[in-house]
Amino acid sequence: MDNFYREINQPDDQIDLAKAALYIAQEEYPDLDIDEYLNALDVMADEVEERLPAERYPLRMIQSLNQYFYDDLGYIGNTSDYYDPRNSFLNEVIDRRTGIPITLSLLYLEVARRLNFPMVGINMPGHFLIRPSFEGAGIFVDAFNRGEILFPQDCEERLAQIYGRPVPMESSFITSVSSRQILVRMLRNLKFIYLNRSDLPKAKTAVECILLLFPDAPTEIRDRGLIYYQLGYEPQAAQDLEIYLAMLPNAEDAPGIRRLLEQLNRGL
């Protein structure tokens, strides 16, 4: 986790997203060769560069990237096993050519950045998107669905598909997000997967990485406390749960957390 901390412990616009994502993967794959995968991204960018048109309009850039990723290399959104943890590790996404919206978007962002075509992440509820970074771009790219180009109305329709009902579009749904927020979304996916698999040590690692990014995130402090409790680390659990209640004394789950804390304090 030291490498991850060093990478994120700098101004947000200086964080190398690919490196940070690969450092997350290194927790799962200790022998992972970071430089090998960074080089793979460089090679991808070089190969796209060779086919770019002389006039590099945004739509032409996106079309070239889409042809390369989805037609030539065969990248695809993993719809058959969406909650496979490998979908959240950049090295696995590169090797297996499949992933989930956040990791396929990160791959797309990193290759585009190497082509001097900056794009930004869009943290839409339920489905991560990207778009060119210049103001008024008005178009979005769905990296999970073969780089489909979406307009704001399409985003609203996509939300309705995801939630099974109309969802009023809010400007915050299509606002660009920071590198830290992209990494947190990846890590929360991993946390969710590991908790569902009852793999508490790995879930704890994901939470601790989130807290390196946002040390004062109350729900993450709570979740780490609950994981500590389930792992039998009662003093650490009590400390985290006390901090959570101090931060959000009127939280909806505060009464239950207080009861657990009383139980823990009786046993300490």
C-alpha atoms as a PDB file:
ATOM      1  CA  MET A   1       0.000   0.000   0.000  1.00  0.00           C
ATOM      2  CA  ASP A   2       3.045   2.276   0.331  1.00  0.00           C
ATOM      3  CA  ASN A   3       3.354   2.749  -3.444  1.00  0.00           C
ATOM      4  CA  PHE A   4      -0.340   3.576  -3.701  1.00  0.00           C
ATOM      5  CA  TYR A   5      -0.059   6.125  -0.896  1.00  0.00           C
ATOM      6  CA  ARG A   6       2.956   7.816  -2.506  1.00  0.00           C
ATOM      7  CA  GLU A   7       1.140   8.077  -5.838  1.00  0.00           C
ATOM      8  CA  ILE A   8      -2.005   9.657  -4.412  1.00  0.00           C
ATOM      9  CA  ASN A   9      -0.185  11.880  -1.917  1.00  0.00           C
ATOM     10  CA  GLN A  10       0.177  14.716  -4.422  1.00  0.00           C
ATOM     11  CA  PRO A  11      -2.119  17.218  -6.161  1.00  0.00           C
ATOM     12  CA  ASP A  12      -5.018  15.486  -7.861  1.00  0.00           C
ATOM     13  CA  ASP A  13      -4.052  16.583 -11.373  1.00  0.00           C
ATOM     14  CA  GLN A  14      -0.616  15.029 -10.900  1.00  0.00           C
ATOM     15  CA  ILE A  15      -1.880  11.576  -9.899  1.00  0.00           C
ATOM     16  CA  ASP A  16      -1.060   8.983 -12.547  1.00  0.00           C
ATOM     17  CA  LEU A  17      -4.352   7.078 -12.671  1.00  0.00           C
ATOM     18  CA  ALA A  18      -2.883   4.052 -14.398  1.00  0.00           C
ATOM     19  CA  LYS A  19      -0.095   3.738 -11.824  1.00  0.00           C
ATOM     20  CA  ALA A  20      -2.498   4.171  -8.918  1.00  0.00           C
ATOM     21  CA  ALA A  21      -4.862   1.559 -10.369  1.00  0.00           C
ATOM     22  CA  LEU A  22      -1.991  -0.868 -10.879  1.00  0.00           C
ATOM     23  CA  TYR A  23      -0.822  -0.308  -7.299  1.00  0.00           C
ATOM     24  CA  ILE A  24      -4.338  -1.306  -6.184  1.00  0.00           C
ATOM     25  CA  ALA A  25      -3.966  -4.457  -8.278  1.00  0.00           C
ATOM     26  CA  GLN A  26      -0.561  -5.108  -6.719  1.00  0.00           C
ATOM     27  CA  GLU A  27      -2.303  -5.797  -3.398  1.00  0.00           C
ATOM     28  CA  GLU A  28      -3.902  -8.790  -5.136  1.00  0.00           C
ATOM     29  CA  TYR A  29      -0.916  -9.641  -7.346  1.00  0.00           C
ATOM     30  CA  PRO A  30       2.257  -8.909  -5.336  1.00  0.00           C
ATOM     31  CA  ASP A  31       4.576  -9.819  -8.235  1.00  0.00           C
ATOM     32  CA  LEU A  32       2.806  -7.530 -10.697  1.00  0.00           C
ATOM     33  CA  ASP A  33       5.238  -5.735 -13.012  1.00  0.00           C
ATOM     34  CA  ILE A  34       3.865  -2.191 -13.038  1.00  0.00           C
ATOM     35  CA  ASP A  35       6.170  -1.007 -15.821  1.00  0.00           C
ATOM     36  CA  GLU A  36       5.046  -3.841 -18.108  1.00  0.00           C
ATOM     37  CA  TYR A  37       1.462  -2.601 -18.031  1.00  0.00           C
ATOM     38  CA  LEU A  38       2.390   1.062 -18.287  1.00  0.00           C
ATOM     39  CA  ASN A  39       4.389   0.111 -21.362  1.00  0.00           C
ATOM     40  CA  ALA A  40       1.348  -1.739 -22.741  1.00  0.00           C
ATOM     41  CA  LEU A  41      -0.629   1.505 -22.504  1.00  0.00           C
ATOM     42  CA  ASP A  42       2.175   3.364 -24.303  1.00  0.00           C
ATOM     43  CA  VAL A  43       2.142   0.769 -27.098  1.00  0.00           C
ATOM     44  CA  MET A  44      -1.637   1.072 -27.438  1.00  0.00           C
ATOM     45  CA  ALA A  45      -1.336   4.837 -27.775  1.00  0.00           C
ATOM     46  CA  ASP A  46       1.416   4.464 -30.396  1.00  0.00           C
ATOM     47  CA  GLU A  47      -0.751   2.078 -32.418  1.00  0.00           C
ATOM     48  CA  VAL A  48      -3.731   4.441 -32.320  1.00  0.00           C
ATOM     49  CA  GLU A  49      -1.464   7.368 -33.229  1.00  0.00           C
ATOM     50  CA  GLU A  50      -0.512   5.621 -36.481  1.00  0.00           C
ATOM     51  CA  ARG A  51      -4.119   5.525 -37.660  1.00  0.00           C
ATOM     52  CA  LEU A  52      -5.285   8.966 -36.541  1.00  0.00           C
ATOM     53  CA  PRO A  53      -6.566  11.309 -39.267  1.00  0.00           C
ATOM     54  CA  ALA A  54      -4.755  14.541 -39.989  1.00  0.00           C
ATOM     55  CA  GLU A  55      -7.673  16.551 -38.621  1.00  0.00           C
ATOM     56  CA  ARG A  56      -8.035  15.491 -35.003  1.00  0.00           C
ATOM     57  CA  TYR A  57     -11.588  16.537 -34.280  1.00  0.00           C
ATOM     58  CA  PRO A  58     -13.026  15.020 -31.082  1.00  0.00           C
ATOM     59  CA  LEU A  59     -15.481  12.739 -32.897  1.00  0.00           C
ATOM     60  CA  ARG A  60     -12.748  11.450 -35.193  1.00  0.00           C
ATOM     61  CA  MET A  61     -10.480  10.798 -32.219  1.00  0.00           C
ATOM     62  CA  ILE A  62     -13.246   8.874 -30.481  1.00  0.00           C
ATOM     63  CA  GLN A  63     -14.011   6.893 -33.640  1.00  0.00           C
ATOM     64  CA  SER A  64     -10.340   5.938 -33.997  1.00  0.00           C
ATOM     65  CA  LEU A  65     -10.098   4.899 -30.352  1.00  0.00           C
ATOM     66  CA  ASN A  66     -13.321   2.910 -30.619  1.00  0.00           C
ATOM     67  CA  GLN A  67     -12.183   1.073 -33.733  1.00  0.00           C
ATOM     68  CA  TYR A  68      -8.891   0.194 -32.053  1.00  0.00           C
ATOM     69  CA  PHE A  69     -10.298  -0.955 -28.716  1.00  0.00           C
ATOM     70  CA  TYR A  70     -13.479  -2.703 -29.785  1.00  0.00           C
ATOM     71  CA  ASP A  71     -12.955  -3.785 -33.406  1.00  0.00           C
ATOM     72  CA  ASP A  72      -9.220  -4.479 -33.516  1.00  0.00           C
ATOM     73  CA  LEU A  73      -8.490  -5.624 -29.947  1.00  0.00           C
ATOM     74  CA  GLY A  74     -11.961  -6.934 -29.110  1.00  0.00           C
ATOM     75  CA  TYR A  75     -12.451  -5.208 -25.754  1.00  0.00           C
ATOM     76  CA  ILE A  76     -15.897  -5.856 -24.344  1.00  0.00           C
ATOM     77  CA  GLY A  77     -17.918  -5.093 -21.244  1.00  0.00           C
ATOM     78  CA  ASN A  78     -18.145  -8.146 -18.995  1.00  0.00           C
ATOM     79  CA  THR A  79     -21.886  -8.760 -18.820  1.00  0.00           C
ATOM     80  CA  SER A  80     -21.615 -12.492 -18.054  1.00  0.00           C
ATOM     81  CA  ASP A  81     -19.660 -12.142 -14.785  1.00  0.00           C
ATOM     82  CA  TYR A  82     -19.923  -8.490 -13.819  1.00  0.00           C
ATOM     83  CA  TYR A  83     -18.886  -9.046 -10.185  1.00  0.00           C
ATOM     84  CA  ASP A  84     -15.719 -10.982 -10.929  1.00  0.00           C
ATOM     85  CA  PRO A  85     -13.056  -9.024  -8.976  1.00  0.00           C
ATOM     86  CA  ARG A  86     -10.704  -9.300 -11.943  1.00  0.00           C
ATOM     87  CA  ASN A  87     -12.917  -6.750 -13.706  1.00  0.00           C
ATOM     88  CA  SER A  88     -11.678  -4.156 -11.197  1.00  0.00           C
ATOM     89  CA  PHE A  89      -7.937  -4.743 -11.719  1.00  0.00           C
ATOM     90  CA  LEU A  90      -6.380  -2.814 -14.600  1.00  0.00           C
ATOM     91  CA  ASN A  91      -3.796  -5.510 -15.375  1.00  0.00           C
ATOM     92  CA  GLU A  92      -6.547  -8.120 -15.739  1.00  0.00           C
ATOM     93  CA  VAL A  93      -8.640  -5.787 -17.893  1.00  0.00           C
ATOM     94  CA  ILE A  94      -5.680  -5.261 -20.219  1.00  0.00           C
ATOM     95  CA  ASP A  95      -4.875  -8.981 -20.373  1.00  0.00           C
ATOM     96  CA  ARG A  96      -8.424 -10.338 -20.614  1.00  0.00           C
ATOM     97  CA  ARG A  97      -9.798  -7.455 -22.705  1.00  0.00           C
ATOM     98  CA  THR A  98     -12.923  -7.249 -20.620  1.00  0.00           C
ATOM     99  CA  GLY A  99     -14.001  -5.214 -17.626  1.00  0.00           C
ATOM    100  CA  ILE A 100     -16.676  -3.060 -16.051  1.00  0.00           C
ATOM    101  CA  PRO A 101     -17.521   0.584 -16.871  1.00  0.00           C
ATOM    102  CA  ILE A 102     -15.026   2.142 -14.453  1.00  0.00           C
ATOM    103  CA  THR A 103     -11.984   0.101 -15.515  1.00  0.00           C
ATOM    104  CA  LEU A 104     -12.708   0.186 -19.245  1.00  0.00           C
ATOM    105  CA  SER A 105     -13.172   3.953 -18.888  1.00  0.00           C
ATOM    106  CA  LEU A 106      -9.862   4.257 -17.054  1.00  0.00           C
ATOM    107  CA  LEU A 107      -8.109   2.336 -19.830  1.00  0.00           C
ATOM    108  CA  TYR A 108      -9.722   4.612 -22.435  1.00  0.00           C
ATOM    109  CA  LEU A 109      -8.797   7.747 -20.465  1.00  0.00           C
ATOM    110  CA  GLU A 110      -5.178   6.700 -20.134  1.00  0.00           C
ATOM    111  CA  VAL A 111      -4.678   5.898 -23.815  1.00  0.00           C
ATOM    112  CA  ALA A 112      -6.476   9.126 -24.823  1.00  0.00           C
ATOM    113  CA  ARG A 113      -4.237  11.104 -22.447  1.00  0.00           C
ATOM    114  CA  ARG A 114      -1.164   9.695 -24.136  1.00  0.00           C
ATOM    115  CA  LEU A 115      -2.557  10.987 -27.435  1.00  0.00           C
ATOM    116  CA  ASN A 116      -2.946  14.513 -26.030  1.00  0.00           C
ATOM    117  CA  PHE A 117      -6.718  14.059 -26.175  1.00  0.00           C
ATOM    118  CA  PRO A 118      -7.642  14.665 -22.534  1.00  0.00           C
ATOM    119  CA  MET A 119     -10.878  13.170 -21.295  1.00  0.00           C
ATOM    120  CA  VAL A 120     -12.541  13.177 -17.891  1.00  0.00           C
ATOM    121  CA  GLY A 121     -14.572  10.701 -15.880  1.00  0.00           C
ATOM    122  CA  ILE A 122     -18.304  11.162 -15.342  1.00  0.00           C
ATOM    123  CA  ASN A 123     -19.551   9.528 -12.140  1.00  0.00           C
ATOM    124  CA  MET A 124     -23.116   8.936 -13.333  1.00  0.00           C
ATOM    125  CA  PRO A 125     -25.140   6.887 -10.823  1.00  0.00           C
ATOM    126  CA  GLY A 126     -25.011   3.216 -11.694  1.00  0.00           C
ATOM    127  CA  HIS A 127     -22.860   3.640 -14.796  1.00  0.00           C
ATOM    128  CA  PHE A 128     -19.501   5.357 -15.268  1.00  0.00           C
ATOM    129  CA  LEU A 129     -18.959   7.398 -18.448  1.00  0.00           C
ATOM    130  CA  ILE A 130     -16.225   9.609 -19.899  1.00  0.00           C
ATOM    131  CA  ARG A 131     -16.203  12.693 -22.112  1.00  0.00           C
ATOM    132  CA  PRO A 132     -13.707  15.041 -23.787  1.00  0.00           C
ATOM    133  CA  SER A 133     -12.451  17.481 -21.187  1.00  0.00           C
ATOM    134  CA  PHE A 134     -13.127  20.753 -23.004  1.00  0.00           C
ATOM    135  CA  GLU A 135     -16.102  22.828 -21.919  1.00  0.00           C
ATOM    136  CA  GLY A 136     -19.310  22.410 -23.842  1.00  0.00           C
ATOM    137  CA  ALA A 137     -18.285  19.069 -25.354  1.00  0.00           C
ATOM    138  CA  GLY A 138     -21.881  17.891 -25.076  1.00  0.00           C
ATOM    139  CA  ILE A 139     -21.018  14.261 -25.831  1.00  0.00           C
ATOM    140  CA  PHE A 140     -20.251  11.316 -23.592  1.00  0.00           C
ATOM    141  CA  VAL A 141     -18.580   7.980 -24.278  1.00  0.00           C
ATOM    142  CA  ASP A 142     -19.757   4.685 -22.814  1.00  0.00           C
ATOM    143  CA  ALA A 143     -16.583   2.593 -22.696  1.00  0.00           C
ATOM    144  CA  PHE A 144     -18.550  -0.414 -21.424  1.00  0.00           C
ATOM    145  CA  ASN A 145     -20.746  -0.435 -24.522  1.00  0.00           C
ATOM    146  CA  ARG A 146     -18.164  -0.319 -27.328  1.00  0.00           C
ATOM    147  CA  GLY A 147     -17.518   3.402 -26.906  1.00  0.00           C
ATOM    148  CA  GLU A 148     -21.089   4.365 -27.744  1.00  0.00           C
ATOM    149  CA  ILE A 149     -21.447   8.133 -28.079  1.00  0.00           C
ATOM    150  CA  LEU A 150     -24.211   9.539 -25.880  1.00  0.00           C
ATOM    151  CA  PHE A 151     -25.880  12.933 -25.604  1.00  0.00           C
ATOM    152  CA  PRO A 152     -27.455  14.203 -22.351  1.00  0.00           C
ATOM    153  CA  GLN A 153     -30.862  12.807 -23.358  1.00  0.00           C
ATOM    154  CA  ASP A 154     -29.248   9.415 -23.951  1.00  0.00           C
ATOM    155  CA  CYS A 155     -27.718   9.567 -20.461  1.00  0.00           C
ATOM    156  CA  GLU A 156     -31.178  10.106 -18.987  1.00  0.00           C
ATOM    157  CA  GLU A 157     -32.487   7.108 -20.929  1.00  0.00           C
ATOM    158  CA  ARG A 158     -29.537   5.017 -19.744  1.00  0.00           C
ATOM    159  CA  LEU A 159     -30.377   5.917 -16.138  1.00  0.00           C
ATOM    160  CA  ALA A 160     -33.974   4.809 -16.675  1.00  0.00           C
ATOM    161  CA  GLN A 161     -32.723   1.484 -18.061  1.00  0.00           C
ATOM    162  CA  ILE A 162     -30.438   0.948 -15.066  1.00  0.00           C
ATOM    163  CA  TYR A 163     -33.040   1.769 -12.416  1.00  0.00           C
ATOM    164  CA  GLY A 164     -36.110   0.448 -14.227  1.00  0.00           C
ATOM    165  CA  ARG A 165     -37.949   3.742 -13.898  1.00  0.00           C
ATOM    166  CA  PRO A 166     -37.588   7.352 -15.057  1.00  0.00           C
ATOM    167  CA  VAL A 167     -34.850   9.189 -13.140  1.00  0.00           C
ATOM    168  CA  PRO A 168     -34.837  12.999 -13.412  1.00  0.00           C
ATOM    169  CA  MET A 169     -31.479  14.111 -14.748  1.00  0.00           C
ATOM    170  CA  GLU A 170     -29.478  16.298 -12.364  1.00  0.00           C
ATOM    171  CA  SER A 171     -26.452  18.305 -13.430  1.00  0.00           C
ATOM    172  CA  SER A 172     -24.366  16.521 -10.788  1.00  0.00           C
ATOM    173  CA  PHE A 173     -24.939  13.218 -12.617  1.00  0.00           C
ATOM    174  CA  ILE A 174     -22.841  14.360 -15.593  1.00  0.00           C
ATOM    175  CA  THR A 175     -20.258  16.480 -13.784  1.00  0.00           C
ATOM    176  CA  SER A 176     -16.626  15.481 -14.194  1.00  0.00           C
ATOM    177  CA  VAL A 177     -14.868  13.898 -11.232  1.00  0.00           C
ATOM    178  CA  SER A 178     -11.358  13.947  -9.831  1.00  0.00           C
ATOM    179  CA  SER A 179      -8.767  11.208 -10.093  1.00  0.00           C
ATOM    180  CA  ARG A 180      -9.332  10.422  -6.413  1.00  0.00           C
ATOM    181  CA  GLN A 181     -13.054   9.979  -7.015  1.00  0.00           C
ATOM    182  CA  ILE A 182     -12.377   7.587  -9.900  1.00  0.00           C
ATOM    183  CA  LEU A 183     -10.099   5.502  -7.687  1.00  0.00           C
ATOM    184  CA  VAL A 184     -12.670   5.496  -4.882  1.00  0.00           C
ATOM    185  CA  ARG A 185     -15.352   4.213  -7.242  1.00  0.00           C
ATOM    186  CA  MET A 186     -13.041   1.345  -8.267  1.00  0.00           C
ATOM    187  CA  LEU A 187     -12.257   0.536  -4.656  1.00  0.00           C
ATOM    188  CA  ARG A 188     -15.906   0.635  -3.567  1.00  0.00           C
ATOM    189  CA  ASN A 189     -16.699  -1.880  -6.282  1.00  0.00           C
ATOM    190  CA  LEU A 190     -13.997  -4.146  -4.861  1.00  0.00           C
ATOM    191  CA  LYS A 191     -15.225  -3.612  -1.301  1.00  0.00           C
ATOM    192  CA  PHE A 192     -18.758  -4.556  -2.338  1.00  0.00           C
ATOM    193  CA  ILE A 193     -17.562  -7.686  -4.142  1.00  0.00           C
ATOM    194  CA  TYR A 194     -15.386  -8.845  -1.234  1.00  0.00           C
ATOM    195  CA  LEU A 195     -18.098  -8.212   1.357  1.00  0.00           C
ATOM    196  CA  ASN A 196     -20.546 -10.239  -0.725  1.00  0.00           C
ATOM    197  CA  ARG A 197     -17.967 -13.033  -0.827  1.00  0.00           C
ATOM    198  CA  SER A 198     -17.329 -12.695   2.928  1.00  0.00           C
ATOM    199  CA  ASP A 199     -13.651 -12.063   2.171  1.00  0.00           C
ATOM    200  CA  LEU A 200     -13.200  -9.653   5.066  1.00  0.00           C
ATOM    201  CA  PRO A 201      -9.408  -9.189   4.925  1.00  0.00           C
ATOM    202  CA  LYS A 202      -9.578  -8.077   1.293  1.00  0.00           C
ATOM    203  CA  ALA A 203     -12.605  -5.892   2.000  1.00  0.00           C
ATOM    204  CA  LYS A 204     -10.617  -4.234   4.806  1.00  0.00           C
ATOM    205  CA  THR A 205      -7.724  -3.559   2.423  1.00  0.00           C
ATOM    206  CA  ALA A 206     -10.111  -1.886  -0.049  1.00  0.00           C
ATOM    207  CA  VAL A 207     -11.582   0.292   2.728  1.00  0.00           C
ATOM    208  CA  GLU A 208      -8.124   1.270   3.951  1.00  0.00           C
ATOM    209  CA  CYS A 209      -7.164   2.362   0.426  1.00  0.00           C
ATOM    210  CA  ILE A 210     -10.331   4.481   0.264  1.00  0.00           C
ATOM    211  CA  LEU A 211      -9.405   6.076   3.583  1.00  0.00           C
ATOM    212  CA  LEU A 212      -5.963   6.935   2.228  1.00  0.00           C
ATOM    213  CA  LEU A 213      -7.775   8.918  -0.467  1.00  0.00           C
ATOM    214  CA  PHE A 214     -10.473  10.411   1.798  1.00  0.00           C
ATOM    215  CA  PRO A 215      -9.418   9.995   5.450  1.00  0.00           C
ATOM    216  CA  ASP A 216     -12.572  11.620   6.837  1.00  0.00           C
ATOM    217  CA  ALA A 217     -15.146   9.540   4.917  1.00  0.00           C
ATOM    218  CA  PRO A 218     -17.532   8.568   7.750  1.00  0.00           C
ATOM    219  CA  THR A 219     -19.181   5.580   6.076  1.00  0.00           C
ATOM    220  CA  GLU A 220     -15.791   4.078   5.278  1.00  0.00           C
ATOM    221  CA  ILE A 221     -14.659   4.540   8.878  1.00  0.00           C
ATOM    222  CA  ARG A 222     -17.893   2.819   9.964  1.00  0.00           C
ATOM    223  CA  ASP A 223     -17.409  -0.014   7.491  1.00  0.00           C
ATOM    224  CA  ARG A 224     -13.839  -0.584   8.634  1.00  0.00           C
ATOM    225  CA  GLY A 225     -15.094  -0.686  12.216  1.00  0.00           C
ATOM    226  CA  LEU A 226     -17.722  -3.283  11.320  1.00  0.00           C
ATOM    227  CA  ILE A 227     -15.127  -5.358   9.463  1.00  0.00           C
ATOM    228  CA  TYR A 228     -12.794  -5.130  12.461  1.00  0.00           C
ATOM    229  CA  TYR A 229     -15.676  -6.346  14.634  1.00  0.00           C
ATOM    230  CA  GLN A 230     -16.323  -9.338  12.382  1.00  0.00           C
ATOM    231  CA  LEU A 231     -12.612 -10.148  12.316  1.00  0.00           C
ATOM    232  CA  GLY A 232     -12.458 -10.073  16.126  1.00  0.00           C
ATOM    233  CA  TYR A 233     -10.384  -6.887  16.441  1.00  0.00           C
ATOM    234  CA  GLU A 234     -12.643  -5.362  19.069  1.00  0.00           C
ATOM    235  CA  PRO A 235     -10.541  -2.385  20.289  1.00  0.00           C
ATOM    236  CA  GLN A 236     -10.006  -1.205  16.692  1.00  0.00           C
ATOM    237  CA  ALA A 237     -13.695  -1.742  15.937  1.00  0.00           C
ATOM    238  CA  ALA A 238     -14.758   0.326  18.939  1.00  0.00           C
ATOM    239  CA  GLN A 239     -12.402   3.151  18.013  1.00  0.00           C
ATOM    240  CA  ASP A 240     -13.723   3.399  14.448  1.00  0.00           C
ATOM    241  CA  LEU A 241     -17.365   3.181  15.495  1.00  0.00           C
ATOM    242  CA  GLU A 242     -16.871   5.911  18.107  1.00  0.00           C
ATOM    243  CA  ILE A 243     -15.328   8.160  15.444  1.00  0.00           C
ATOM    244  CA  TYR A 244     -18.247   7.449  13.116  1.00  0.00           C
ATOM    245  CA  LEU A 245     -20.836   8.387  15.750  1.00  0.00           C
ATOM    246  CA  ALA A 246     -18.924  11.546  16.613  1.00  0.00           C
ATOM    247  CA  MET A 247     -18.997  12.523  12.931  1.00  0.00           C
ATOM    248  CA  LEU A 248     -22.623  11.527  12.240  1.00  0.00           C
ATOM    249  CA  PRO A 249     -24.458  11.323  15.588  1.00  0.00           C
ATOM    250  CA  ASN A 250     -27.857  11.466  13.883  1.00  0.00           C
ATOM    251  CA  ALA A 251     -27.156   8.955  11.124  1.00  0.00           C
ATOM    252  CA  GLU A 252     -29.981   6.577  10.319  1.00  0.00           C
ATOM    253  CA  ASP A 253     -27.964   3.624  11.577  1.00  0.00           C
ATOM    254  CA  ALA A 254     -26.614   5.442  14.659  1.00  0.00           C
ATOM    255  CA  PRO A 255     -28.894   3.619  17.177  1.00  0.00           C
ATOM    256  CA  GLY A 256     -27.694   0.217  15.958  1.00  0.00           C
ATOM    257  CA  ILE A 257     -24.059   1.320  15.955  1.00  0.00           C
ATOM    258  CA  ARG A 258     -24.461   2.626  19.525  1.00  0.00           C
ATOM    259  CA  ARG A 259     -25.857  -0.714  20.676  1.00  0.00           C
ATOM    260  CA  LEU A 260     -22.929  -2.535  19.077  1.00  0.00           C
ATOM    261  CA  LEU A 261     -20.495  -0.088  20.630  1.00  0.00           C
ATOM    262  CA  GLU A 262     -22.014  -0.632  24.092  1.00  0.00           C
ATOM    263  CA  GLN A 263     -21.638  -4.365  23.604  1.00  0.00           C
ATOM    264  CA  LEU A 264     -18.023  -3.929  22.555  1.00  0.00           C
ATOM    265  CA  ASN A 265     -17.217  -1.641  25.491  1.00  0.00           C
ATOM    266  CA  ARG A 266     -18.672  -4.130  27.945  1.00  0.00           C
ATOM    267  CA  GLY A 267     -16.319  -6.746  26.580  1.00  0.00           C
ATOM    268  CA  LEU A 268     -13.180  -4.601  26.549  1.00  0.00           C
END
